[in-house]
Structures are given as C-alpha cells and as structure tokens.
Amino acid sequence: VMADGLAEGAWLVDECRARLVERGQ
C-alpha cells in the first residue's frame, strides 16, 4: 500500500505499524 502511494489501505498501514510496535515480537 505504501509503495503504491494510494490512500486506499492507509488504515492498514497505521494499524499494522501500531500493533507491531505494541507486540514487539
């Protein structure tokens, strides 16, 4: 989604980033 630079899917980028930081595996 980020590579394509499209607004569609921006929710996924934000949610994944936050969950990955929180989970920390």
mmCIF file of all heavy atoms, coordinates in Angstrom:
data_MODEL
# 
_entry.id   MODEL 
# 
loop_
_atom_site.group_PDB 
_atom_site.id 
_atom_site.type_symbol 
_atom_site.label_atom_id 
_atom_site.label_alt_id 
_atom_site.label_comp_id 
_atom_site.label_asym_id 
_atom_site.label_entity_id 
_atom_site.label_seq_id 
_atom_site.pdbx_PDB_ins_code 
_atom_site.Cartn_x 
_atom_site.Cartn_y 
_atom_site.Cartn_z 
_atom_site.occupancy 
_atom_site.B_iso_or_equiv 
_atom_site.pdbx_formal_charge 
_atom_site.auth_seq_id 
_atom_site.auth_comp_id 
_atom_site.auth_asym_id 
_atom_site.auth_atom_id 
_atom_site.pdbx_PDB_model_num 
ATOM 1   N N   . VAL A 1 1  ? 0.846  -1.193  0.000  1.00 0.00 ? 1  VAL A N   1 
ATOM 2   C CA  . VAL A 1 1  ? 0.000  0.000   0.000  1.00 0.00 ? 1  VAL A CA  1 
ATOM 3   C C   . VAL A 1 1  ? 0.884  1.246   0.000  1.00 0.00 ? 1  VAL A C   1 
ATOM 4   O O   . VAL A 1 1  ? 0.654  2.180   -0.767 1.00 0.00 ? 1  VAL A O   1 
ATOM 5   C CB  . VAL A 1 1  ? -0.952 -0.011  1.228  1.00 0.00 ? 1  VAL A CB  1 
ATOM 6   C CG1 . VAL A 1 1  ? -1.611 1.340   1.419  1.00 0.00 ? 1  VAL A CG1 1 
ATOM 7   C CG2 . VAL A 1 1  ? -2.001 -1.115  1.086  1.00 0.00 ? 1  VAL A CG2 1 
ATOM 8   N N   . MET A 1 2  ? 1.902  1.251   0.858  1.00 0.00 ? 2  MET A N   1 
ATOM 9   C CA  . MET A 1 2  ? 2.810  2.401   0.918  1.00 0.00 ? 2  MET A CA  1 
ATOM 10  C C   . MET A 1 2  ? 3.558  2.593   -0.395 1.00 0.00 ? 2  MET A C   1 
ATOM 11  O O   . MET A 1 2  ? 3.721  3.721   -0.862 1.00 0.00 ? 2  MET A O   1 
ATOM 12  C CB  . MET A 1 2  ? 3.820  2.216   2.051  1.00 0.00 ? 2  MET A CB  1 
ATOM 13  C CG  . MET A 1 2  ? 3.254  2.485   3.423  1.00 0.00 ? 2  MET A CG  1 
ATOM 14  S SD  . MET A 1 2  ? 4.478  2.266   4.734  1.00 0.00 ? 2  MET A SD  1 
ATOM 15  C CE  . MET A 1 2  ? 5.752  3.431   4.275  1.00 0.00 ? 2  MET A CE  1 
ATOM 16  N N   . ALA A 1 3  ? 4.021  1.490   -0.986 1.00 0.00 ? 3  ALA A N   1 
ATOM 17  C CA  . ALA A 1 3  ? 4.774  1.577   -2.234 1.00 0.00 ? 3  ALA A CA  1 
ATOM 18  C C   . ALA A 1 3  ? 3.920  2.157   -3.362 1.00 0.00 ? 3  ALA A C   1 
ATOM 19  O O   . ALA A 1 3  ? 4.424  2.881   -4.220 1.00 0.00 ? 3  ALA A O   1 
ATOM 20  C CB  . ALA A 1 3  ? 5.312  0.208   -2.624 1.00 0.00 ? 3  ALA A CB  1 
ATOM 21  N N   . ASP A 1 4  ? 2.628  1.821   -3.337 1.00 0.00 ? 4  ASP A N   1 
ATOM 22  C CA  . ASP A 1 4  ? 1.720  2.340   -4.368 1.00 0.00 ? 4  ASP A CA  1 
ATOM 23  C C   . ASP A 1 4  ? 1.343  3.788   -4.114 1.00 0.00 ? 4  ASP A C   1 
ATOM 24  O O   . ASP A 1 4  ? 0.863  4.469   -5.014 1.00 0.00 ? 4  ASP A O   1 
ATOM 25  C CB  . ASP A 1 4  ? 0.453  1.484   -4.452 1.00 0.00 ? 4  ASP A CB  1 
ATOM 26  C CG  . ASP A 1 4  ? 0.714  0.113   -5.054 1.00 0.00 ? 4  ASP A CG  1 
ATOM 27  O OD1 . ASP A 1 4  ? 1.787  -0.085  -5.648 1.00 0.00 ? 4  ASP A OD1 1 
ATOM 28  O OD2 . ASP A 1 4  ? -0.161 -0.764  -4.927 1.00 0.00 ? 4  ASP A OD2 1 
ATOM 29  N N   . GLY A 1 5  ? 1.521  4.256   -2.877 1.00 0.00 ? 5  GLY A N   1 
ATOM 30  C CA  . GLY A 1 5  ? 1.212  5.640   -2.543 1.00 0.00 ? 5  GLY A CA  1 
ATOM 31  C C   . GLY A 1 5  ? -0.260 5.981   -2.630 1.00 0.00 ? 5  GLY A C   1 
ATOM 32  O O   . GLY A 1 5  ? -0.617 7.128   -2.877 1.00 0.00 ? 5  GLY A O   1 
ATOM 33  N N   . LEU A 1 6  ? -1.120 5.001   -2.412 1.00 0.00 ? 6  LEU A N   1 
ATOM 34  C CA  . LEU A 1 6  ? -2.561 5.227   -2.524 1.00 0.00 ? 6  LEU A CA  1 
ATOM 35  C C   . LEU A 1 6  ? -3.188 5.418   -1.150 1.00 0.00 ? 6  LEU A C   1 
ATOM 36  O O   . LEU A 1 6  ? -2.726 4.855   -0.156 1.00 0.00 ? 6  LEU A O   1 
ATOM 37  C CB  . LEU A 1 6  ? -3.223 4.040   -3.231 1.00 0.00 ? 6  LEU A CB  1 
ATOM 38  C CG  . LEU A 1 6  ? -2.708 3.734   -4.634 1.00 0.00 ? 6  LEU A CG  1 
ATOM 39  C CD1 . LEU A 1 6  ? -3.354 2.480   -5.177 1.00 0.00 ? 6  LEU A CD1 1 
ATOM 40  C CD2 . LEU A 1 6  ? -2.986 4.910   -5.559 1.00 0.00 ? 6  LEU A CD2 1 
ATOM 41  N N   . ALA A 1 7  ? -4.255 6.206   -1.103 1.00 0.00 ? 7  ALA A N   1 
ATOM 42  C CA  . ALA A 1 7  ? -4.976 6.421   0.159  1.00 0.00 ? 7  ALA A CA  1 
ATOM 43  C C   . ALA A 1 7  ? -5.715 5.160   0.583  1.00 0.00 ? 7  ALA A C   1 
ATOM 44  O O   . ALA A 1 7  ? -5.856 4.897   1.778  1.00 0.00 ? 7  ALA A O   1 
ATOM 45  C CB  . ALA A 1 7  ? -5.944 7.584   0.008  1.00 0.00 ? 7  ALA A CB  1 
ATOM 46  N N   . GLU A 1 8  ? -6.187 4.379   -0.409 1.00 0.00 ? 8  GLU A N   1 
ATOM 47  C CA  . GLU A 1 8  ? -6.882 3.141   -0.071 1.00 0.00 ? 8  GLU A CA  1 
ATOM 48  C C   . GLU A 1 8  ? -5.904 2.212   0.643  1.00 0.00 ? 8  GLU A C   1 
ATOM 49  O O   . GLU A 1 8  ? -4.827 1.923   0.149  1.00 0.00 ? 8  GLU A O   1 
ATOM 50  C CB  . GLU A 1 8  ? -7.408 2.433   -1.322 1.00 0.00 ? 8  GLU A CB  1 
ATOM 51  C CG  . GLU A 1 8  ? -8.132 1.145   -0.993 1.00 0.00 ? 8  GLU A CG  1 
ATOM 52  C CD  . GLU A 1 8  ? -8.450 0.289   -2.200 1.00 0.00 ? 8  GLU A CD  1 
ATOM 53  O OE1 . GLU A 1 8  ? -7.983 0.605   -3.306 1.00 0.00 ? 8  GLU A OE1 1 
ATOM 54  O OE2 . GLU A 1 8  ? -9.150 -0.705  -2.025 1.00 0.00 ? 8  GLU A OE2 1 
ATOM 55  N N   . GLY A 1 9  ? -6.260 1.807   1.822  1.00 0.00 ? 9  GLY A N   1 
ATOM 56  C CA  . GLY A 1 9  ? -5.401 0.925   2.584  1.00 0.00 ? 9  GLY A CA  1 
ATOM 57  C C   . GLY A 1 9  ? -4.527 1.644   3.592  1.00 0.00 ? 9  GLY A C   1 
ATOM 58  O O   . GLY A 1 9  ? -3.776 1.007   4.323  1.00 0.00 ? 9  GLY A O   1 
ATOM 59  N N   . ALA A 1 10 ? -4.629 2.984   3.675  1.00 0.00 ? 10 ALA A N   1 
ATOM 60  C CA  . ALA A 1 10 ? -3.840 3.733   4.655  1.00 0.00 ? 10 ALA A CA  1 
ATOM 61  C C   . ALA A 1 10 ? -4.180 3.268   6.068  1.00 0.00 ? 10 ALA A C   1 
ATOM 62  O O   . ALA A 1 10 ? -3.323 3.252   6.947  1.00 0.00 ? 10 ALA A O   1 
ATOM 63  C CB  . ALA A 1 10 ? -4.065 5.230   4.501  1.00 0.00 ? 10 ALA A CB  1 
ATOM 64  N N   . TRP A 1 11 ? -5.426 2.870   6.273  1.00 0.00 ? 11 TRP A N   1 
ATOM 65  C CA  . TRP A 1 11 ? -5.838 2.347   7.585  1.00 0.00 ? 11 TRP A CA  1 
ATOM 66  C C   . TRP A 1 11 ? -4.982 1.147   7.988  1.00 0.00 ? 11 TRP A C   1 
ATOM 67  O O   . TRP A 1 11 ? -4.620 0.990   9.154  1.00 0.00 ? 11 TRP A O   1 
ATOM 68  C CB  . TRP A 1 11 ? -7.319 1.940   7.572  1.00 0.00 ? 11 TRP A CB  1 
ATOM 69  C CG  . TRP A 1 11 ? -7.627 0.826   6.599  1.00 0.00 ? 11 TRP A CG  1 
ATOM 70  C CD1 . TRP A 1 11 ? -7.973 0.950   5.284  1.00 0.00 ? 11 TRP A CD1 1 
ATOM 71  C CD2 . TRP A 1 11 ? -7.561 -0.574  6.862  1.00 0.00 ? 11 TRP A CD2 1 
ATOM 72  N NE1 . TRP A 1 11 ? -8.126 -0.283  4.709  1.00 0.00 ? 11 TRP A NE1 1 
ATOM 73  C CE2 . TRP A 1 11 ? -7.889 -1.240  5.652  1.00 0.00 ? 11 TRP A CE2 1 
ATOM 74  C CE3 . TRP A 1 11 ? -7.256 -1.340  7.973  1.00 0.00 ? 11 TRP A CE3 1 
ATOM 75  C CZ2 . TRP A 1 11 ? -7.918 -2.628  5.543  1.00 0.00 ? 11 TRP A CZ2 1 
ATOM 76  C CZ3 . TRP A 1 11 ? -7.288 -2.721  7.869  1.00 0.00 ? 11 TRP A CZ3 1 
ATOM 77  C CH2 . TRP A 1 11 ? -7.623 -3.350  6.660  1.00 0.00 ? 11 TRP A CH2 1 
ATOM 78  N N   . LEU A 1 12 ? -4.655 0.317   6.996  1.00 0.00 ? 12 LEU A N   1 
ATOM 79  C CA  . LEU A 1 12 ? -3.870 -0.883  7.278  1.00 0.00 ? 12 LEU A CA  1 
ATOM 80  C C   . LEU A 1 12 ? -2.448 -0.513  7.690  1.00 0.00 ? 12 LEU A C   1 
ATOM 81  O O   . LEU A 1 12 ? -1.897 -1.098  8.619  1.00 0.00 ? 12 LEU A O   1 
ATOM 82  C CB  . LEU A 1 12 ? -3.853 -1.814  6.059  1.00 0.00 ? 12 LEU A CB  1 
ATOM 83  C CG  . LEU A 1 12 ? -3.057 -3.098  6.227  1.00 0.00 ? 12 LEU A CG  1 
ATOM 84  C CD1 . LEU A 1 12 ? -3.680 -3.980  7.313  1.00 0.00 ? 12 LEU A CD1 1 
ATOM 85  C CD2 . LEU A 1 12 ? -2.990 -3.850  4.908  1.00 0.00 ? 12 LEU A CD2 1 
ATOM 86  N N   . VAL A 1 13 ? -1.856 0.449   7.021  1.00 0.00 ? 13 VAL A N   1 
ATOM 87  C CA  . VAL A 1 13 ? -0.503 0.891   7.352  1.00 0.00 ? 13 VAL A CA  1 
ATOM 88  C C   . VAL A 1 13 ? -0.467 1.380   8.805  1.00 0.00 ? 13 VAL A C   1 
ATOM 89  O O   . VAL A 1 13 ? 0.380  0.953   9.593  1.00 0.00 ? 13 VAL A O   1 
ATOM 90  C CB  . VAL A 1 13 ? -0.017 1.997   6.388  1.00 0.00 ? 13 VAL A CB  1 
ATOM 91  C CG1 . VAL A 1 13 ? 1.340  2.543   6.827  1.00 0.00 ? 13 VAL A CG1 1 
ATOM 92  C CG2 . VAL A 1 13 ? 0.044  1.479   4.960  1.00 0.00 ? 13 VAL A CG2 1 
ATOM 93  N N   . ASP A 1 14 ? -1.411 2.253   9.155  1.00 0.00 ? 14 ASP A N   1 
ATOM 94  C CA  . ASP A 1 14 ? -1.443 2.814   10.509 1.00 0.00 ? 14 ASP A CA  1 
ATOM 95  C C   . ASP A 1 14 ? -1.680 1.733   11.561 1.00 0.00 ? 14 ASP A C   1 
ATOM 96  O O   . ASP A 1 14 ? -1.011 1.700   12.592 1.00 0.00 ? 14 ASP A O   1 
ATOM 97  C CB  . ASP A 1 14 ? -2.535 3.880   10.617 1.00 0.00 ? 14 ASP A CB  1 
ATOM 98  C CG  . ASP A 1 14 ? -2.239 5.108   9.762  1.00 0.00 ? 14 ASP A CG  1 
ATOM 99  O OD1 . ASP A 1 14 ? -1.057 5.329   9.421  1.00 0.00 ? 14 ASP A OD1 1 
ATOM 100 O OD2 . ASP A 1 14 ? -3.197 5.824   9.428  1.00 0.00 ? 14 ASP A OD2 1 
ATOM 101 N N   . GLU A 1 15 ? -2.633 0.851   11.300 1.00 0.00 ? 15 GLU A N   1 
ATOM 102 C CA  . GLU A 1 15 ? -2.968 -0.182  12.278 1.00 0.00 ? 15 GLU A CA  1 
ATOM 103 C C   . GLU A 1 15 ? -1.836 -1.196  12.433 1.00 0.00 ? 15 GLU A C   1 
ATOM 104 O O   . GLU A 1 15 ? -1.498 -1.588  13.555 1.00 0.00 ? 15 GLU A O   1 
ATOM 105 C CB  . GLU A 1 15 ? -4.271 -0.887  11.887 1.00 0.00 ? 15 GLU A CB  1 
ATOM 106 C CG  . GLU A 1 15 ? -4.801 -1.738  12.996 1.00 0.00 ? 15 GLU A CG  1 
ATOM 107 C CD  . GLU A 1 15 ? -6.247 -2.136  12.806 1.00 0.00 ? 15 GLU A CD  1 
ATOM 108 O OE1 . GLU A 1 15 ? -6.967 -1.482  12.016 1.00 0.00 ? 15 GLU A OE1 1 
ATOM 109 O OE2 . GLU A 1 15 ? -6.644 -3.113  13.456 1.00 0.00 ? 15 GLU A OE2 1 
ATOM 110 N N   . CYS A 1 16 ? -1.239 -1.616  11.336 1.00 0.00 ? 16 CYS A N   1 
ATOM 111 C CA  . CYS A 1 16 ? -0.125 -2.570  11.414 1.00 0.00 ? 16 CYS A CA  1 
ATOM 112 C C   . CYS A 1 16 ? 1.055  -1.975  12.166 1.00 0.00 ? 16 CYS A C   1 
ATOM 113 O O   . CYS A 1 16 ? 1.636  -2.619  13.042 1.00 0.00 ? 16 CYS A O   1 
ATOM 114 C CB  . CYS A 1 16 ? 0.324  -3.004  10.026 1.00 0.00 ? 16 CYS A CB  1 
ATOM 115 S SG  . CYS A 1 16 ? -0.760 -4.207  9.260  1.00 0.00 ? 16 CYS A SG  1 
ATOM 116 N N   . ARG A 1 17 ? 1.406  -0.740  11.832 1.00 0.00 ? 17 ARG A N   1 
ATOM 117 C CA  . ARG A 1 17 ? 2.533  -0.084  12.489 1.00 0.00 ? 17 ARG A CA  1 
ATOM 118 C C   . ARG A 1 17 ? 2.305  -0.043  14.002 1.00 0.00 ? 17 ARG A C   1 
ATOM 119 O O   . ARG A 1 17 ? 3.179  -0.430  14.782 1.00 0.00 ? 17 ARG A O   1 
ATOM 120 C CB  . ARG A 1 17 ? 2.723  1.321   11.923 1.00 0.00 ? 17 ARG A CB  1 
ATOM 121 C CG  . ARG A 1 17 ? 3.911  2.054   12.472 1.00 0.00 ? 17 ARG A CG  1 
ATOM 122 C CD  . ARG A 1 17 ? 4.141  3.403   11.792 1.00 0.00 ? 17 ARG A CD  1 
ATOM 123 N NE  . ARG A 1 17 ? 2.920  4.147   11.613 1.00 0.00 ? 17 ARG A NE  1 
ATOM 124 C CZ  . ARG A 1 17 ? 2.467  4.600   10.433 1.00 0.00 ? 17 ARG A CZ  1 
ATOM 125 N NH1 . ARG A 1 17 ? 3.141  4.403   9.327  1.00 0.00 ? 17 ARG A NH1 1 
ATOM 126 N NH2 . ARG A 1 17 ? 1.339  5.264   10.353 1.00 0.00 ? 17 ARG A NH2 1 
ATOM 127 N N   . ALA A 1 18 ? 1.136  0.375   14.441 1.00 0.00 ? 18 ALA A N   1 
ATOM 128 C CA  . ALA A 1 18 ? 0.832  0.474   15.874 1.00 0.00 ? 18 ALA A CA  1 
ATOM 129 C C   . ALA A 1 18 ? 0.852  -0.895  16.548 1.00 0.00 ? 18 ALA A C   1 
ATOM 130 O O   . ALA A 1 18 ? 1.419  -1.053  17.636 1.00 0.00 ? 18 ALA A O   1 
ATOM 131 C CB  . ALA A 1 18 ? -0.532 1.141   16.073 1.00 0.00 ? 18 ALA A CB  1 
ATOM 132 N N   . ARG A 1 19 ? 0.263  -1.893  15.922 1.00 0.00 ? 19 ARG A N   1 
ATOM 133 C CA  . ARG A 1 19 ? 0.207  -3.231  16.524 1.00 0.00 ? 19 ARG A CA  1 
ATOM 134 C C   . ARG A 1 19 ? 1.588  -3.890  16.574 1.00 0.00 ? 19 ARG A C   1 
ATOM 135 O O   . ARG A 1 19 ? 1.905  -4.591  17.527 1.00 0.00 ? 19 ARG A O   1 
ATOM 136 C CB  . ARG A 1 19 ? -0.770 -4.107  15.766 1.00 0.00 ? 19 ARG A CB  1 
ATOM 137 C CG  . ARG A 1 19 ? -2.209 -3.730  16.016 1.00 0.00 ? 19 ARG A CG  1 
ATOM 138 C CD  . ARG A 1 19 ? -3.139 -4.576  15.171 1.00 0.00 ? 19 ARG A CD  1 
ATOM 139 N NE  . ARG A 1 19 ? -4.484 -4.123  15.291 1.00 0.00 ? 19 ARG A NE  1 
ATOM 140 C CZ  . ARG A 1 19 ? -5.438 -4.776  15.949 1.00 0.00 ? 19 ARG A CZ  1 
ATOM 141 N NH1 . ARG A 1 19 ? -5.147 -5.913  16.551 1.00 0.00 ? 19 ARG A NH1 1 
ATOM 142 N NH2 . ARG A 1 19 ? -6.654 -4.296  16.009 1.00 0.00 ? 19 ARG A NH2 1 
ATOM 143 N N   . LEU A 1 20 ? 2.386  -3.680  15.549 1.00 0.00 ? 20 LEU A N   1 
ATOM 144 C CA  . LEU A 1 20 ? 3.737  -4.246  15.540 1.00 0.00 ? 20 LEU A CA  1 
ATOM 145 C C   . LEU A 1 20 ? 4.588  -3.650  16.658 1.00 0.00 ? 20 LEU A C   1 
ATOM 146 O O   . LEU A 1 20 ? 5.314  -4.371  17.348 1.00 0.00 ? 20 LEU A O   1 
ATOM 147 C CB  . LEU A 1 20 ? 4.403  -4.010  14.180 1.00 0.00 ? 20 LEU A CB  1 
ATOM 148 C CG  . LEU A 1 20 ? 3.871  -4.846  13.025 1.00 0.00 ? 20 LEU A CG  1 
ATOM 149 C CD1 . LEU A 1 20 ? 4.256  -4.212  11.690 1.00 0.00 ? 20 LEU A CD1 1 
ATOM 150 C CD2 . LEU A 1 20 ? 4.358  -6.276  13.111 1.00 0.00 ? 20 LEU A CD2 1 
ATOM 151 N N   . VAL A 1 21 ? 4.497  -2.335  16.827 1.00 0.00 ? 21 VAL A N   1 
ATOM 152 C CA  . VAL A 1 21 ? 5.260  -1.675  17.884 1.00 0.00 ? 21 VAL A CA  1 
ATOM 153 C C   . VAL A 1 21 ? 4.806  -2.196  19.242 1.00 0.00 ? 21 VAL A C   1 
ATOM 154 O O   . VAL A 1 21 ? 5.624  -2.492  20.110 1.00 0.00 ? 21 VAL A O   1 
ATOM 155 C CB  . VAL A 1 21 ? 5.101  -0.133  17.786 1.00 0.00 ? 21 VAL A CB  1 
ATOM 156 C CG1 . VAL A 1 21 ? 5.645  0.558   19.025 1.00 0.00 ? 21 VAL A CG1 1 
ATOM 157 C CG2 . VAL A 1 21 ? 5.785  0.383   16.528 1.00 0.00 ? 21 VAL A CG2 1 
ATOM 158 N N   . GLU A 1 22 ? 3.506  -2.323  19.420 1.00 0.00 ? 22 GLU A N   1 
ATOM 159 C CA  . GLU A 1 22 ? 2.966  -2.801  20.697 1.00 0.00 ? 22 GLU A CA  1 
ATOM 160 C C   . GLU A 1 22 ? 3.340  -4.250  20.973 1.00 0.00 ? 22 GLU A C   1 
ATOM 161 O O   . GLU A 1 22 ? 3.725  -4.607  22.084 1.00 0.00 ? 22 GLU A O   1 
ATOM 162 C CB  . GLU A 1 22 ? 1.435  -2.664  20.680 1.00 0.00 ? 22 GLU A CB  1 
ATOM 163 C CG  . GLU A 1 22 ? 0.760  -3.103  21.958 1.00 0.00 ? 22 GLU A CG  1 
ATOM 164 C CD  . GLU A 1 22 ? -0.741 -2.939  21.865 1.00 0.00 ? 22 GLU A CD  1 
ATOM 165 O OE1 . GLU A 1 22 ? -1.202 -1.856  21.452 1.00 0.00 ? 22 GLU A OE1 1 
ATOM 166 O OE2 . GLU A 1 22 ? -1.455 -3.908  22.195 1.00 0.00 ? 22 GLU A OE2 1 
ATOM 167 N N   . ARG A 1 23 ? 3.266  -5.102  19.945 1.00 0.00 ? 23 ARG A N   1 
ATOM 168 C CA  . ARG A 1 23 ? 3.506  -6.528  20.141 1.00 0.00 ? 23 ARG A CA  1 
ATOM 169 C C   . ARG A 1 23 ? 4.985  -6.819  20.396 1.00 0.00 ? 23 ARG A C   1 
ATOM 170 O O   . ARG A 1 23 ? 5.333  -7.556  21.303 1.00 0.00 ? 23 ARG A O   1 
ATOM 171 C CB  . ARG A 1 23 ? 3.005  -7.312  18.928 1.00 0.00 ? 23 ARG A CB  1 
ATOM 172 C CG  . ARG A 1 23 ? 3.100  -8.811  19.127 1.00 0.00 ? 23 ARG A CG  1 
ATOM 173 C CD  . ARG A 1 23 ? 2.427  -9.557  18.016 1.00 0.00 ? 23 ARG A CD  1 
ATOM 174 N NE  . ARG A 1 23 ? 3.248  -9.573  16.805 1.00 0.00 ? 23 ARG A NE  1 
ATOM 175 C CZ  . ARG A 1 23 ? 2.986  -10.319 15.754 1.00 0.00 ? 23 ARG A CZ  1 
ATOM 176 N NH1 . ARG A 1 23 ? 1.920  -11.099 15.730 1.00 0.00 ? 23 ARG A NH1 1 
ATOM 177 N NH2 . ARG A 1 23 ? 3.764  -10.276 14.697 1.00 0.00 ? 23 ARG A NH2 1 
ATOM 178 N N   . GLY A 1 24 ? 5.864  -6.285  19.578 1.00 0.00 ? 24 GLY A N   1 
ATOM 179 C CA  . GLY A 1 24 ? 7.299  -6.388  19.815 1.00 0.00 ? 24 GLY A CA  1 
ATOM 180 C C   . GLY A 1 24 ? 7.913  -7.777  19.702 1.00 0.00 ? 24 GLY A C   1 
ATOM 181 O O   . GLY A 1 24 ? 8.922  -8.040  20.332 1.00 0.00 ? 24 GLY A O   1 
ATOM 182 N N   . GLN A 1 25 ? 7.361  -8.651  18.882 1.00 0.00 ? 25 GLN A N   1 
ATOM 183 C CA  . GLN A 1 25 ? 7.955  -9.973  18.681 1.00 0.00 ? 25 GLN A CA  1 
ATOM 184 C C   . GLN A 1 25 ? 9.067  -9.885  17.632 1.00 0.00 ? 25 GLN A C   1 
ATOM 185 O O   . GLN A 1 25 ? 9.206  -8.879  16.951 1.00 0.00 ? 25 GLN A O   1 
ATOM 186 C CB  . GLN A 1 25 ? 6.882  -10.968 18.243 1.00 0.00 ? 25 GLN A CB  1 
ATOM 187 C CG  . GLN A 1 25 ? 5.899  -11.298 19.330 1.00 0.00 ? 25 GLN A CG  1 
ATOM 188 C CD  . GLN A 1 25 ? 4.870  -12.316 18.878 1.00 0.00 ? 25 GLN A CD  1 
ATOM 189 O OE1 . GLN A 1 25 ? 4.866  -12.784 17.745 1.00 0.00 ? 25 GLN A OE1 1 
ATOM 190 N NE2 . GLN A 1 25 ? 3.969  -12.664 19.779 1.00 0.00 ? 25 GLN A NE2 1 
# 
